[in-house]
N, C-alpha and C. Protein backbone atom coordinates (compact mmCIF):
# COMPACT_ATOMS: atom_id res chain seq x y z
N UNK A 1 101.87 95.97 -36.60
CA UNK A 1 102.90 94.97 -36.39
C UNK A 1 102.35 93.61 -36.81
N UNK A 2 102.95 93.04 -37.81
CA UNK A 2 102.51 91.74 -38.33
C UNK A 2 103.24 90.63 -37.58
N UNK A 3 102.47 89.62 -37.19
CA UNK A 3 103.08 88.47 -36.51
C UNK A 3 102.64 87.19 -37.20
N UNK A 4 103.44 86.16 -37.03
CA UNK A 4 103.10 84.81 -37.48
C UNK A 4 103.23 83.91 -36.26
N UNK A 5 102.53 82.80 -36.29
CA UNK A 5 102.61 81.85 -35.18
C UNK A 5 103.14 80.52 -35.71
N UNK A 6 104.22 80.08 -35.10
CA UNK A 6 104.83 78.79 -35.45
C UNK A 6 105.02 78.02 -34.15
N UNK A 7 104.48 76.81 -34.11
CA UNK A 7 104.58 75.98 -32.89
C UNK A 7 104.13 76.75 -31.65
N UNK A 8 103.00 77.42 -31.77
CA UNK A 8 102.40 78.18 -30.68
C UNK A 8 103.27 79.36 -30.20
N UNK A 9 104.23 79.76 -31.01
CA UNK A 9 105.09 80.89 -30.64
C UNK A 9 104.85 82.02 -31.65
N UNK A 10 104.51 83.20 -31.13
CA UNK A 10 104.30 84.35 -32.01
C UNK A 10 105.65 84.98 -32.35
N UNK A 11 105.81 85.24 -33.64
CA UNK A 11 107.06 85.82 -34.13
C UNK A 11 106.71 87.09 -34.88
N UNK A 12 107.34 88.17 -34.53
CA UNK A 12 107.12 89.43 -35.23
C UNK A 12 107.92 89.41 -36.52
N UNK A 13 107.23 89.62 -37.63
CA UNK A 13 107.86 89.57 -38.95
C UNK A 13 108.99 90.60 -39.03
N UNK A 14 108.79 91.75 -38.46
CA UNK A 14 109.81 92.81 -38.54
C UNK A 14 111.09 92.43 -37.80
N UNK A 15 110.99 91.45 -36.90
CA UNK A 15 112.19 91.00 -36.17
C UNK A 15 113.00 89.97 -36.95
N UNK A 16 112.45 89.45 -38.03
CA UNK A 16 113.16 88.46 -38.83
C UNK A 16 114.26 89.13 -39.63
N UNK A 17 115.32 88.37 -39.87
CA UNK A 17 116.39 88.86 -40.75
C UNK A 17 115.86 88.90 -42.17
N UNK A 18 116.62 89.48 -43.07
CA UNK A 18 116.21 89.50 -44.49
C UNK A 18 116.06 88.07 -45.00
N UNK A 19 116.96 87.19 -44.59
CA UNK A 19 116.87 85.79 -45.00
C UNK A 19 115.59 85.16 -44.45
N UNK A 20 115.28 85.45 -43.20
CA UNK A 20 114.06 84.93 -42.58
C UNK A 20 112.82 85.43 -43.30
N UNK A 21 112.83 86.71 -43.70
CA UNK A 21 111.69 87.27 -44.44
C UNK A 21 111.54 86.61 -45.80
N UNK A 22 112.67 86.31 -46.45
CA UNK A 22 112.61 85.61 -47.75
C UNK A 22 112.06 84.20 -47.57
N UNK A 23 112.48 83.54 -46.50
CA UNK A 23 111.97 82.19 -46.23
C UNK A 23 110.47 82.23 -45.95
N UNK A 24 110.04 83.23 -45.20
CA UNK A 24 108.61 83.39 -44.91
C UNK A 24 107.84 83.64 -46.20
N UNK A 25 108.37 84.49 -47.07
CA UNK A 25 107.71 84.77 -48.34
C UNK A 25 107.59 83.50 -49.17
N UNK A 26 108.65 82.71 -49.23
CA UNK A 26 108.62 81.47 -50.02
C UNK A 26 107.64 80.47 -49.39
N UNK A 27 107.63 80.40 -48.07
CA UNK A 27 106.67 79.53 -47.38
C UNK A 27 105.25 79.91 -47.77
N UNK A 28 104.96 81.20 -47.76
CA UNK A 28 103.62 81.66 -48.10
C UNK A 28 103.27 81.32 -49.54
N UNK A 29 104.24 81.46 -50.45
CA UNK A 29 103.99 81.10 -51.85
C UNK A 29 103.68 79.61 -51.97
N UNK A 30 104.48 78.79 -51.31
CA UNK A 30 104.28 77.34 -51.38
C UNK A 30 102.95 76.94 -50.74
N UNK A 31 102.61 77.58 -49.63
CA UNK A 31 101.35 77.28 -48.97
C UNK A 31 100.17 77.64 -49.88
N UNK A 32 100.26 78.78 -50.56
CA UNK A 32 99.21 79.17 -51.50
C UNK A 32 99.10 78.18 -52.65
N UNK A 33 100.26 77.73 -53.17
CA UNK A 33 100.25 76.74 -54.24
C UNK A 33 99.57 75.46 -53.77
N UNK A 34 99.88 75.03 -52.54
CA UNK A 34 99.29 73.82 -52.01
C UNK A 34 97.78 73.96 -51.89
N UNK A 35 97.32 75.11 -51.41
CA UNK A 35 95.88 75.35 -51.31
C UNK A 35 95.23 75.33 -52.68
N UNK A 36 95.90 75.92 -53.69
CA UNK A 36 95.38 75.88 -55.06
C UNK A 36 95.28 74.44 -55.55
N UNK A 37 96.29 73.64 -55.27
CA UNK A 37 96.28 72.24 -55.70
C UNK A 37 95.15 71.47 -55.02
N UNK A 38 94.93 71.75 -53.74
CA UNK A 38 93.82 71.09 -53.04
C UNK A 38 92.49 71.44 -53.69
N UNK A 39 92.31 72.72 -54.05
CA UNK A 39 91.07 73.12 -54.72
C UNK A 39 90.95 72.42 -56.07
N UNK A 40 92.05 72.34 -56.81
CA UNK A 40 92.02 71.67 -58.10
C UNK A 40 91.67 70.19 -57.94
N UNK A 41 92.22 69.56 -56.92
CA UNK A 41 91.91 68.15 -56.67
C UNK A 41 90.43 67.98 -56.38
N UNK A 42 89.86 68.85 -55.57
CA UNK A 42 88.43 68.76 -55.27
C UNK A 42 87.59 68.95 -56.54
N UNK A 43 87.99 69.89 -57.38
CA UNK A 43 87.28 70.10 -58.65
C UNK A 43 87.39 68.86 -59.54
N UNK A 44 88.58 68.26 -59.58
CA UNK A 44 88.77 67.05 -60.39
C UNK A 44 87.91 65.90 -59.87
N UNK A 45 87.79 65.79 -58.55
CA UNK A 45 86.94 64.73 -57.98
C UNK A 45 85.50 64.90 -58.43
N UNK A 46 85.02 66.15 -58.45
CA UNK A 46 83.65 66.41 -58.89
C UNK A 46 83.50 66.04 -60.36
N UNK A 47 84.46 66.43 -61.19
CA UNK A 47 84.39 66.11 -62.62
C UNK A 47 84.45 64.60 -62.85
N UNK A 48 85.32 63.92 -62.15
CA UNK A 48 85.43 62.47 -62.30
C UNK A 48 84.12 61.80 -61.90
N UNK A 49 83.53 62.27 -60.82
CA UNK A 49 82.25 61.72 -60.38
C UNK A 49 81.17 61.92 -61.44
N UNK A 50 81.17 63.10 -62.07
CA UNK A 50 80.19 63.36 -63.12
C UNK A 50 80.39 62.41 -64.30
N UNK A 51 81.64 62.17 -64.67
CA UNK A 51 81.90 61.24 -65.77
C UNK A 51 81.50 59.81 -65.39
N UNK A 52 81.77 59.41 -64.17
CA UNK A 52 81.37 58.07 -63.72
C UNK A 52 79.85 57.92 -63.80
N UNK A 53 79.14 58.94 -63.33
CA UNK A 53 77.68 58.89 -63.39
C UNK A 53 77.18 58.85 -64.83
N UNK A 54 77.82 59.60 -65.72
CA UNK A 54 77.43 59.59 -67.13
C UNK A 54 77.68 58.21 -67.75
N UNK A 55 78.80 57.61 -67.40
CA UNK A 55 79.11 56.27 -67.93
C UNK A 55 78.10 55.25 -67.41
N UNK A 56 77.76 55.33 -66.13
CA UNK A 56 76.75 54.42 -65.57
C UNK A 56 75.42 54.58 -66.29
N UNK A 57 75.03 55.82 -66.54
CA UNK A 57 73.77 56.07 -67.23
C UNK A 57 73.81 55.49 -68.64
N UNK A 58 74.91 55.68 -69.33
CA UNK A 58 75.06 55.11 -70.67
C UNK A 58 74.95 53.59 -70.62
N UNK A 59 75.57 52.98 -69.63
CA UNK A 59 75.53 51.52 -69.51
C UNK A 59 74.11 51.06 -69.23
N UNK A 60 73.39 51.79 -68.37
CA UNK A 60 72.00 51.44 -68.08
C UNK A 60 71.14 51.60 -69.32
N UNK A 61 71.34 52.67 -70.07
CA UNK A 61 70.58 52.89 -71.29
C UNK A 61 70.87 51.80 -72.31
N UNK A 62 72.14 51.39 -72.40
CA UNK A 62 72.50 50.32 -73.33
C UNK A 62 71.84 49.01 -72.91
N UNK A 63 71.79 48.73 -71.61
CA UNK A 63 71.15 47.52 -71.12
C UNK A 63 69.66 47.53 -71.46
N UNK A 64 69.04 48.67 -71.31
CA UNK A 64 67.60 48.79 -71.62
C UNK A 64 67.33 48.56 -73.08
N UNK A 65 68.17 49.06 -73.94
CA UNK A 65 68.00 48.88 -75.39
C UNK A 65 68.24 47.43 -75.77
N UNK A 66 69.22 46.78 -75.11
CA UNK A 66 69.52 45.39 -75.43
C UNK A 66 68.35 44.48 -75.03
N UNK A 67 67.73 44.77 -73.90
CA UNK A 67 66.63 43.93 -73.43
C UNK A 67 65.37 44.15 -74.26
N UNK A 68 65.21 45.35 -74.84
CA UNK A 68 64.06 45.64 -75.68
C UNK A 68 64.23 45.03 -77.06
N UNK A 69 65.45 44.62 -77.36
CA UNK A 69 65.70 44.09 -78.69
C UNK A 69 65.97 45.17 -79.69
N UNK A 70 66.19 46.38 -79.24
CA UNK A 70 66.45 47.50 -80.16
C UNK A 70 67.90 47.58 -80.50
């Protein structure tokens, strides 16, 4: 027997109407999409940080070359 909990109330999935089951299915799809988007956002933050660090390093290297007269 599968149950879900909403607002601290356990609901048996088998007791839901067909419409309720469709709503639950869509909720689960949307929740999965949201979790995927959160993972993508975290990955993008890591990539952006890597690019920022690379740009800083390039700027530091350029400063070093400018001061050396190269």
